[in-house]
């Protein structure tokens, strides 16, 4: 699922751009928040060089630069500025 204030599609490449208050999530509970996101049609990857915050059931990670498969299952944040794992209660 993807929401944003604005978006566009490049007619030539079929790449999709989402801008302003971008929120992407998957069925596993992973949520990505950023201000700009691009979905590349050629390799079906989600990318940005902007600040991102990923919240998942196991982690909270923030940083700059991001690449992921389109399902947000396998992702990389290139310049991590914050990382936390919530403590599990016994």
PDB file of N, CA and C in Angstrom:
ATOM      1  N   UNK A   1       0.843  -1.174   0.000  1.00  0.00           N
ATOM      2  CA  UNK A   1       0.000   0.000   0.000  1.00  0.00           C
ATOM      3  C   UNK A   1       0.886   1.234   0.000  1.00  0.00           C
ATOM      4  N   UNK A   2       0.494   2.220  -0.766  1.00  0.00           N
ATOM      5  CA  UNK A   2       1.273   3.445  -0.891  1.00  0.00           C
ATOM      6  C   UNK A   2       0.327   4.639  -0.881  1.00  0.00           C
ATOM      7  N   UNK A   3       0.644   5.639  -0.039  1.00  0.00           N
ATOM      8  CA  UNK A   3      -0.092   6.896  -0.057  1.00  0.00           C
ATOM      9  C   UNK A   3       0.911   8.039  -0.119  1.00  0.00           C
ATOM     10  N   UNK A   4       0.507   9.139  -0.734  1.00  0.00           N
ATOM     11  CA  UNK A   4       1.338  10.338  -0.849  1.00  0.00           C
ATOM     12  C   UNK A   4       0.438  11.498  -1.231  1.00  0.00           C
ATOM     13  N   UNK A   5       0.921  12.714  -0.990  1.00  0.00           N
ATOM     14  CA  UNK A   5       0.157  13.888  -1.394  1.00  0.00           C
ATOM     15  C   UNK A   5       0.155  14.087  -2.900  1.00  0.00           C
ATOM     16  N   UNK A   6       1.287  13.751  -3.544  1.00  0.00           N
ATOM     17  CA  UNK A   6       1.401  13.925  -4.994  1.00  0.00           C
ATOM     18  C   UNK A   6       2.092  12.713  -5.593  1.00  0.00           C
ATOM     19  N   UNK A   7       1.873  12.503  -6.872  1.00  0.00           N
ATOM     20  CA  UNK A   7       2.537  11.422  -7.573  1.00  0.00           C
ATOM     21  C   UNK A   7       2.531  11.656  -9.068  1.00  0.00           C
ATOM     22  N   UNK A   8       3.402  10.941  -9.759  1.00  0.00           N
ATOM     23  CA  UNK A   8       3.423  11.026 -11.220  1.00  0.00           C
ATOM     24  C   UNK A   8       4.010   9.738 -11.770  1.00  0.00           C
ATOM     25  N   UNK A   9       3.741   9.488 -13.040  1.00  0.00           N
ATOM     26  CA  UNK A   9       4.281   8.322 -13.751  1.00  0.00           C
ATOM     27  C   UNK A   9       4.992   8.821 -14.994  1.00  0.00           C
ATOM     28  N   UNK A  10       6.199   8.360 -15.213  1.00  0.00           N
ATOM     29  CA  UNK A  10       6.956   8.675 -16.424  1.00  0.00           C
ATOM     30  C   UNK A  10       6.402   7.799 -17.542  1.00  0.00           C
ATOM     31  N   UNK A  11       5.836   8.414 -18.565  1.00  0.00           N
ATOM     32  CA  UNK A  11       5.208   7.668 -19.653  1.00  0.00           C
ATOM     33  C   UNK A  11       6.200   6.811 -20.433  1.00  0.00           C
ATOM     34  N   UNK A  12       7.443   7.233 -20.502  1.00  0.00           N
ATOM     35  CA  UNK A  12       8.450   6.493 -21.268  1.00  0.00           C
ATOM     36  C   UNK A  12       8.941   5.264 -20.513  1.00  0.00           C
ATOM     37  N   UNK A  13       9.333   5.441 -19.251  1.00  0.00           N
ATOM     38  CA  UNK A  13       9.930   4.338 -18.475  1.00  0.00           C
ATOM     39  C   UNK A  13       8.914   3.575 -17.633  1.00  0.00           C
ATOM     40  N   UNK A  14       7.742   4.173 -17.427  1.00  0.00           N
ATOM     41  CA  UNK A  14       6.719   3.655 -16.527  1.00  0.00           C
ATOM     42  C   UNK A  14       7.174   3.665 -15.061  1.00  0.00           C
ATOM     43  N   UNK A  15       8.218   4.445 -14.748  1.00  0.00           N
ATOM     44  CA  UNK A  15       8.628   4.646 -13.361  1.00  0.00           C
ATOM     45  C   UNK A  15       7.573   5.485 -12.665  1.00  0.00           C
ATOM     46  N   UNK A  16       7.342   5.206 -11.376  1.00  0.00           N
ATOM     47  CA  UNK A  16       6.365   5.953 -10.604  1.00  0.00           C
ATOM     48  C   UNK A  16       7.076   6.760  -9.524  1.00  0.00           C
ATOM     49  N   UNK A  17       6.628   7.984  -9.314  1.00  0.00           N
ATOM     50  CA  UNK A  17       7.192   8.873  -8.307  1.00  0.00           C
ATOM     51  C   UNK A  17       6.093   9.251  -7.327  1.00  0.00           C
ATOM     52  N   UNK A  18       6.418   9.201  -6.027  1.00  0.00           N
ATOM     53  CA  UNK A  18       5.505   9.650  -4.980  1.00  0.00           C
ATOM     54  C   UNK A  18       6.223  10.736  -4.186  1.00  0.00           C
ATOM     55  N   UNK A  19       5.508  11.837  -3.896  1.00  0.00           N
ATOM     56  CA  UNK A  19       6.118  12.974  -3.219  1.00  0.00           C
ATOM     57  C   UNK A  19       5.202  13.484  -2.113  1.00  0.00           C
ATOM     58  N   UNK A  20       5.819  14.001  -1.062  1.00  0.00           N
ATOM     59  CA  UNK A  20       5.161  14.652   0.064  1.00  0.00           C
ATOM     60  C   UNK A  20       4.350  13.672   0.915  1.00  0.00           C
ATOM     61  N   UNK A  21       4.796  13.496   2.137  1.00  0.00           N
ATOM     62  CA  UNK A  21       4.110  12.622   3.107  1.00  0.00           C
ATOM     63  C   UNK A  21       3.895  11.212   2.547  1.00  0.00           C
ATOM     64  N   UNK A  22       4.959  10.602   2.062  1.00  0.00           N
ATOM     65  CA  UNK A  22       4.882   9.277   1.457  1.00  0.00           C
ATOM     66  C   UNK A  22       4.893   8.219   2.558  1.00  0.00           C
ATOM     67  N   UNK A  23       3.932   7.324   2.503  1.00  0.00           N
ATOM     68  CA  UNK A  23       3.857   6.202   3.429  1.00  0.00           C
ATOM     69  C   UNK A  23       3.611   4.945   2.605  1.00  0.00           C
ATOM     70  N   UNK A  24       4.516   3.981   2.750  1.00  0.00           N
ATOM     71  CA  UNK A  24       4.371   2.686   2.087  1.00  0.00           C
ATOM     72  C   UNK A  24       4.371   1.615   3.167  1.00  0.00           C
ATOM     73  N   UNK A  25       3.519   0.621   3.023  1.00  0.00           N
ATOM     74  CA  UNK A  25       3.459  -0.444   4.020  1.00  0.00           C
ATOM     75  C   UNK A  25       3.208  -1.781   3.342  1.00  0.00           C
ATOM     76  N   UNK A  26       3.517  -2.845   4.083  1.00  0.00           N
ATOM     77  CA  UNK A  26       3.254  -4.186   3.568  1.00  0.00           C
ATOM     78  C   UNK A  26       2.410  -4.967   4.567  1.00  0.00           C
ATOM     79  N   UNK A  27       2.053  -6.184   4.210  1.00  0.00           N
ATOM     80  CA  UNK A  27       1.198  -7.024   5.051  1.00  0.00           C
ATOM     81  C   UNK A  27       1.895  -7.508   6.311  1.00  0.00           C
ATOM     82  N   UNK A  28       3.231  -7.424   6.369  1.00  0.00           N
ATOM     83  CA  UNK A  28       3.990  -7.904   7.523  1.00  0.00           C
ATOM     84  C   UNK A  28       4.122  -6.850   8.617  1.00  0.00           C
ATOM     85  N   UNK A  29       3.586  -5.657   8.396  1.00  0.00           N
ATOM     86  CA  UNK A  29       3.653  -4.614   9.400  1.00  0.00           C
ATOM     87  C   UNK A  29       4.819  -3.664   9.258  1.00  0.00           C
ATOM     88  N   UNK A  30       5.549  -3.742   8.148  1.00  0.00           N
ATOM     89  CA  UNK A  30       6.643  -2.814   7.888  1.00  0.00           C
ATOM     90  C   UNK A  30       6.068  -1.551   7.265  1.00  0.00           C
ATOM     91  N   UNK A  31       6.469  -0.386   7.811  1.00  0.00           N
ATOM     92  CA  UNK A  31       5.975   0.900   7.325  1.00  0.00           C
ATOM     93  C   UNK A  31       7.176   1.781   6.997  1.00  0.00           C
ATOM     94  N   UNK A  32       7.192   2.339   5.810  1.00  0.00           N
ATOM     95  CA  UNK A  32       8.227   3.258   5.341  1.00  0.00           C
ATOM     96  C   UNK A  32       7.624   4.649   5.244  1.00  0.00           C
ATOM     97  N   UNK A  33       8.315   5.635   5.827  1.00  0.00           N
ATOM     98  CA  UNK A  33       7.891   7.036   5.728  1.00  0.00           C
ATOM     99  C   UNK A  33       9.038   7.843   5.146  1.00  0.00           C
ATOM    100  N   UNK A  34       8.719   8.681   4.153  1.00  0.00           N
ATOM    101  CA  UNK A  34       9.717   9.537   3.522  1.00  0.00           C
ATOM    102  C   UNK A  34       8.999  10.670   2.794  1.00  0.00           C
ATOM    103  N   UNK A  35       9.755  11.572   2.211  1.00  0.00           N
ATOM    104  CA  UNK A  35       9.157  12.681   1.474  1.00  0.00           C
ATOM    105  C   UNK A  35       9.168  12.468  -0.038  1.00  0.00           C
ATOM    106  N   UNK A  36       9.966  11.502  -0.509  1.00  0.00           N
ATOM    107  CA  UNK A  36      10.044  11.255  -1.952  1.00  0.00           C
ATOM    108  C   UNK A  36      10.464   9.809  -2.185  1.00  0.00           C
ATOM    109  N   UNK A  37       9.796   9.169  -3.116  1.00  0.00           N
ATOM    110  CA  UNK A  37      10.055   7.757  -3.394  1.00  0.00           C
ATOM    111  C   UNK A  37       9.895   7.514  -4.886  1.00  0.00           C
ATOM    112  N   UNK A  38      10.709   6.633  -5.419  1.00  0.00           N
ATOM    113  CA  UNK A  38      10.608   6.263  -6.833  1.00  0.00           C
ATOM    114  C   UNK A  38      10.497   4.745  -6.922  1.00  0.00           C
ATOM    115  N   UNK A  39       9.553   4.273  -7.737  1.00  0.00           N
ATOM    116  CA  UNK A  39       9.469   2.862  -8.065  1.00  0.00           C
ATOM    117  C   UNK A  39       9.975   2.716  -9.483  1.00  0.00           C
ATOM    118  N   UNK A  40      11.100   1.971  -9.611  1.00  0.00           N
ATOM    119  CA  UNK A  40      11.701   1.770 -10.936  1.00  0.00           C
ATOM    120  C   UNK A  40      11.070   0.559 -11.595  1.00  0.00           C
ATOM    121  N   UNK A  41      10.450   0.774 -12.709  1.00  0.00           N
ATOM    122  CA  UNK A  41       9.813  -0.302 -13.451  1.00  0.00           C
ATOM    123  C   UNK A  41      10.829  -1.316 -13.969  1.00  0.00           C
ATOM    124  N   UNK A  42      12.018  -0.876 -14.355  1.00  0.00           N
ATOM    125  CA  UNK A  42      13.005  -1.762 -14.982  1.00  0.00           C
ATOM    126  C   UNK A  42      13.417  -2.922 -14.081  1.00  0.00           C
ATOM    127  N   UNK A  43      13.570  -2.679 -12.787  1.00  0.00           N
ATOM    128  CA  UNK A  43      13.954  -3.757 -11.866  1.00  0.00           C
ATOM    129  C   UNK A  43      12.965  -3.930 -10.712  1.00  0.00           C
ATOM    130  N   UNK A  44      11.852  -3.191 -10.764  1.00  0.00           N
ATOM    131  CA  UNK A  44      10.780  -3.268  -9.778  1.00  0.00           C
ATOM    132  C   UNK A  44      11.304  -3.025  -8.357  1.00  0.00           C
ATOM    133  N   UNK A  45      12.173  -2.016  -8.228  1.00  0.00           N
ATOM    134  CA  UNK A  45      12.746  -1.625  -6.935  1.00  0.00           C
ATOM    135  C   UNK A  45      12.175  -0.284  -6.503  1.00  0.00           C
ATOM    136  N   UNK A  46      12.095  -0.098  -5.184  1.00  0.00           N
ATOM    137  CA  UNK A  46      11.725   1.174  -4.582  1.00  0.00           C
ATOM    138  C   UNK A  46      13.011   1.836  -4.131  1.00  0.00           C
ATOM    139  N   UNK A  47      13.229   3.103  -4.498  1.00  0.00           N
ATOM    140  CA  UNK A  47      14.475   3.794  -4.158  1.00  0.00           C
ATOM    141  C   UNK A  47      14.211   5.245  -3.764  1.00  0.00           C
ATOM    142  N   UNK A  48      15.106   5.789  -2.951  1.00  0.00           N
ATOM    143  CA  UNK A  48      15.135   7.213  -2.650  1.00  0.00           C
ATOM    144  C   UNK A  48      16.508   7.556  -2.094  1.00  0.00           C
ATOM    145  N   UNK A  49      16.907   8.813  -2.268  1.00  0.00           N
ATOM    146  CA  UNK A  49      18.131   9.288  -1.618  1.00  0.00           C
ATOM    147  C   UNK A  49      17.779  10.205  -0.445  1.00  0.00           C
ATOM    148  N   UNK A  50      16.503  10.330  -0.145  1.00  0.00           N
ATOM    149  CA  UNK A  50      16.003  11.192   0.929  1.00  0.00           C
ATOM    150  C   UNK A  50      16.035  10.467   2.278  1.00  0.00           C
ATOM    151  N   UNK A  51      15.682  11.199   3.334  1.00  0.00           N
ATOM    152  CA  UNK A  51      15.557  10.640   4.673  1.00  0.00           C
ATOM    153  C   UNK A  51      14.399   9.643   4.702  1.00  0.00           C
ATOM    154  N   UNK A  52      14.599   8.502   5.350  1.00  0.00           N
ATOM    155  CA  UNK A  52      13.556   7.490   5.490  1.00  0.00           C
ATOM    156  C   UNK A  52      13.480   7.032   6.940  1.00  0.00           C
ATOM    157  N   UNK A  53      12.292   6.594   7.323  1.00  0.00           N
ATOM    158  CA  UNK A  53      12.090   5.942   8.610  1.00  0.00           C
ATOM    159  C   UNK A  53      11.330   4.658   8.347  1.00  0.00           C
ATOM    160  N   UNK A  54      11.916   3.547   8.783  1.00  0.00           N
ATOM    161  CA  UNK A  54      11.294   2.235   8.638  1.00  0.00           C
ATOM    162  C   UNK A  54      10.886   1.770  10.023  1.00  0.00           C
ATOM    163  N   UNK A  55       9.631   1.416  10.169  1.00  0.00           N
ATOM    164  CA  UNK A  55       9.141   0.847  11.416  1.00  0.00           C
ATOM    165  C   UNK A  55       8.617  -0.542  11.088  1.00  0.00           C
ATOM    166  N   UNK A  56       9.121  -1.538  11.804  1.00  0.00           N
ATOM    167  CA  UNK A  56       8.649  -2.908  11.623  1.00  0.00           C
ATOM    168  C   UNK A  56       8.355  -3.482  13.003  1.00  0.00           C
ATOM    169  N   UNK A  57       7.760  -4.652  13.071  1.00  0.00           N
ATOM    170  CA  UNK A  57       7.494  -5.240  14.384  1.00  0.00           C
ATOM    171  C   UNK A  57       8.766  -5.439  15.224  1.00  0.00           C
ATOM    172  N   UNK A  58       9.934  -5.523  14.582  1.00  0.00           N
ATOM    173  CA  UNK A  58      11.173  -5.797  15.309  1.00  0.00           C
ATOM    174  C   UNK A  58      12.150  -4.631  15.388  1.00  0.00           C
ATOM    175  N   UNK A  59      11.999  -3.610  14.537  1.00  0.00           N
ATOM    176  CA  UNK A  59      13.006  -2.554  14.459  1.00  0.00           C
ATOM    177  C   UNK A  59      12.401  -1.205  14.115  1.00  0.00           C
ATOM    178  N   UNK A  60      13.153  -0.174  14.472  1.00  0.00           N
ATOM    179  CA  UNK A  60      12.929   1.178  13.971  1.00  0.00           C
ATOM    180  C   UNK A  60      14.277   1.639  13.433  1.00  0.00           C
ATOM    181  N   UNK A  61      14.327   2.001  12.160  1.00  0.00           N
ATOM    182  CA  UNK A  61      15.585   2.411  11.537  1.00  0.00           C
ATOM    183  C   UNK A  61      15.331   3.707  10.773  1.00  0.00           C
ATOM    184  N   UNK A  62      16.253   4.667  10.923  1.00  0.00           N
ATOM    185  CA  UNK A  62      16.185   5.927  10.193  1.00  0.00           C
ATOM    186  C   UNK A  62      17.499   6.153   9.483  1.00  0.00           C
ATOM    187  N   UNK A  63      17.437   6.849   8.353  1.00  0.00           N
ATOM    188  CA  UNK A  63      18.665   7.157   7.639  1.00  0.00           C
ATOM    189  C   UNK A  63      18.378   7.803   6.297  1.00  0.00           C
ATOM    190  N   UNK A  64      19.433   7.911   5.509  1.00  0.00           N
ATOM    191  CA  UNK A  64      19.361   8.552   4.196  1.00  0.00           C
ATOM    192  C   UNK A  64      19.755   7.558   3.117  1.00  0.00           C
ATOM    193  N   UNK A  65      18.973   7.491   2.072  1.00  0.00           N
ATOM    194  CA  UNK A  65      19.231   6.573   0.973  1.00  0.00           C
ATOM    195  C   UNK A  65      18.619   5.222   1.267  1.00  0.00           C
ATOM    196  N   UNK A  66      17.840   4.720   0.327  1.00  0.00           N
ATOM    197  CA  UNK A  66      17.059   3.510   0.563  1.00  0.00           C
ATOM    198  C   UNK A  66      16.837   2.774  -0.745  1.00  0.00           C
ATOM    199  N   UNK A  67      16.877   1.451  -0.658  1.00  0.00           N
ATOM    200  CA  UNK A  67      16.524   0.605  -1.802  1.00  0.00           C
ATOM    201  C   UNK A  67      15.841  -0.637  -1.273  1.00  0.00           C
ATOM    202  N   UNK A  68      14.797  -1.075  -1.973  1.00  0.00           N
ATOM    203  CA  UNK A  68      14.022  -2.222  -1.512  1.00  0.00           C
ATOM    204  C   UNK A  68      13.362  -2.925  -2.679  1.00  0.00           C
ATOM    205  N   UNK A  69      13.008  -4.191  -2.454  1.00  0.00           N
ATOM    206  CA  UNK A  69      12.105  -4.844  -3.393  1.00  0.00           C
ATOM    207  C   UNK A  69      10.741  -4.171  -3.224  1.00  0.00           C
ATOM    208  N   UNK A  70       9.850  -4.366  -4.153  1.00  0.00           N
ATOM    209  CA  UNK A  70       8.593  -3.635  -4.147  1.00  0.00           C
ATOM    210  C   UNK A  70       7.647  -4.071  -3.027  1.00  0.00           C
ATOM    211  N   UNK A  71       7.980  -5.139  -2.307  1.00  0.00           N
ATOM    212  CA  UNK A  71       7.137  -5.608  -1.210  1.00  0.00           C
ATOM    213  C   UNK A  71       7.658  -5.189   0.164  1.00  0.00           C
ATOM    214  N   UNK A  72       8.754  -4.425   0.190  1.00  0.00           N
ATOM    215  CA  UNK A  72       9.394  -3.972   1.433  1.00  0.00           C
ATOM    216  C   UNK A  72       9.840  -5.137   2.320  1.00  0.00           C
ATOM    217  N   UNK A  73      10.183  -6.262   1.703  1.00  0.00           N
ATOM    218  CA  UNK A  73      10.658  -7.402   2.479  1.00  0.00           C
ATOM    219  C   UNK A  73      12.177  -7.407   2.624  1.00  0.00           C
ATOM    220  N   UNK A  74      12.886  -6.971   1.614  1.00  0.00           N
ATOM    221  CA  UNK A  74      14.357  -6.946   1.614  1.00  0.00           C
ATOM    222  C   UNK A  74      14.800  -5.544   1.261  1.00  0.00           C
ATOM    223  N   UNK A  75      15.294  -4.813   2.269  1.00  0.00           N
ATOM    224  CA  UNK A  75      15.652  -3.416   2.038  1.00  0.00           C
ATOM    225  C   UNK A  75      16.997  -3.084   2.647  1.00  0.00           C
ATOM    226  N   UNK A  76      17.573  -1.980   2.154  1.00  0.00           N
ATOM    227  CA  UNK A  76      18.844  -1.457   2.637  1.00  0.00           C
ATOM    228  C   UNK A  76      18.675   0.040   2.847  1.00  0.00           C
ATOM    229  N   UNK A  77      19.111   0.532   4.006  1.00  0.00           N
ATOM    230  CA  UNK A  77      19.245   1.969   4.249  1.00  0.00           C
ATOM    231  C   UNK A  77      20.736   2.241   4.205  1.00  0.00           C
ATOM    232  N   UNK A  78      21.169   3.119   3.326  1.00  0.00           N
ATOM    233  CA  UNK A  78      22.599   3.287   3.052  1.00  0.00           C
ATOM    234  C   UNK A  78      23.344   4.091   4.102  1.00  0.00           C
ATOM    235  N   UNK A  79      22.715   5.082   4.715  1.00  0.00           N
ATOM    236  CA  UNK A  79      23.383   5.892   5.729  1.00  0.00           C
ATOM    237  C   UNK A  79      22.483   5.933   6.957  1.00  0.00           C
ATOM    238  N   UNK A  80      22.606   4.932   7.816  1.00  0.00           N
ATOM    239  CA  UNK A  80      21.752   4.805   9.001  1.00  0.00           C
ATOM    240  C   UNK A  80      22.137   5.867  10.024  1.00  0.00           C
ATOM    241  N   UNK A  81      21.131   6.598  10.511  1.00  0.00           N
ATOM    242  CA  UNK A  81      21.361   7.613  11.544  1.00  0.00           C
ATOM    243  C   UNK A  81      20.769   7.204  12.885  1.00  0.00           C
ATOM    244  N   UNK A  82      19.884   6.215  12.891  1.00  0.00           N
ATOM    245  CA  UNK A  82      19.253   5.762  14.127  1.00  0.00           C
ATOM    246  C   UNK A  82      18.757   4.345  13.925  1.00  0.00           C
ATOM    247  N   UNK A  83      18.919   3.518  14.960  1.00  0.00           N
ATOM    248  CA  UNK A  83      18.428   2.152  14.912  1.00  0.00           C
ATOM    249  C   UNK A  83      18.042   1.719  16.314  1.00  0.00           C
ATOM    250  N   UNK A  84      16.899   1.072  16.442  1.00  0.00           N
ATOM    251  CA  UNK A  84      16.430   0.619  17.746  1.00  0.00           C
ATOM    252  C   UNK A  84      15.613  -0.647  17.564  1.00  0.00           C
ATOM    253  N   UNK A  85      15.732  -1.535  18.522  1.00  0.00           N
ATOM    254  CA  UNK A  85      14.899  -2.735  18.566  1.00  0.00           C
ATOM    255  C   UNK A  85      14.089  -2.681  19.847  1.00  0.00           C
ATOM    256  N   UNK A  86      12.770  -2.669  19.742  1.00  0.00           N
ATOM    257  CA  UNK A  86      11.954  -2.631  20.957  1.00  0.00           C
ATOM    258  C   UNK A  86      12.257  -3.825  21.849  1.00  0.00           C
ATOM    259  N   UNK A  87      12.273  -3.578  23.143  1.00  0.00           N
ATOM    260  CA  UNK A  87      12.507  -4.663  24.098  1.00  0.00           C
ATOM    261  C   UNK A  87      11.280  -5.545  24.168  1.00  0.00           C
ATOM    262  N   UNK A  88      11.532  -6.837  24.176  1.00  0.00           N
ATOM    263  CA  UNK A  88      10.441  -7.790  24.283  1.00  0.00           C
ATOM    264  C   UNK A  88      10.208  -8.113  25.744  1.00  0.00           C
ATOM    265  N   UNK A  89       8.920  -8.149  26.102  1.00  0.00           N
ATOM    266  CA  UNK A  89       8.578  -8.488  27.471  1.00  0.00           C
ATOM    267  C   UNK A  89       8.562  -9.996  27.636  1.00  0.00           C
ATOM    268  N   UNK A  90       9.035 -10.446  28.782  1.00  0.00           N
ATOM    269  CA  UNK A  90       9.057 -11.911  29.060  1.00  0.00           C
ATOM    270  C   UNK A  90       7.811 -12.318  29.790  1.00  0.00           C
TER     271      UNK A  90
END
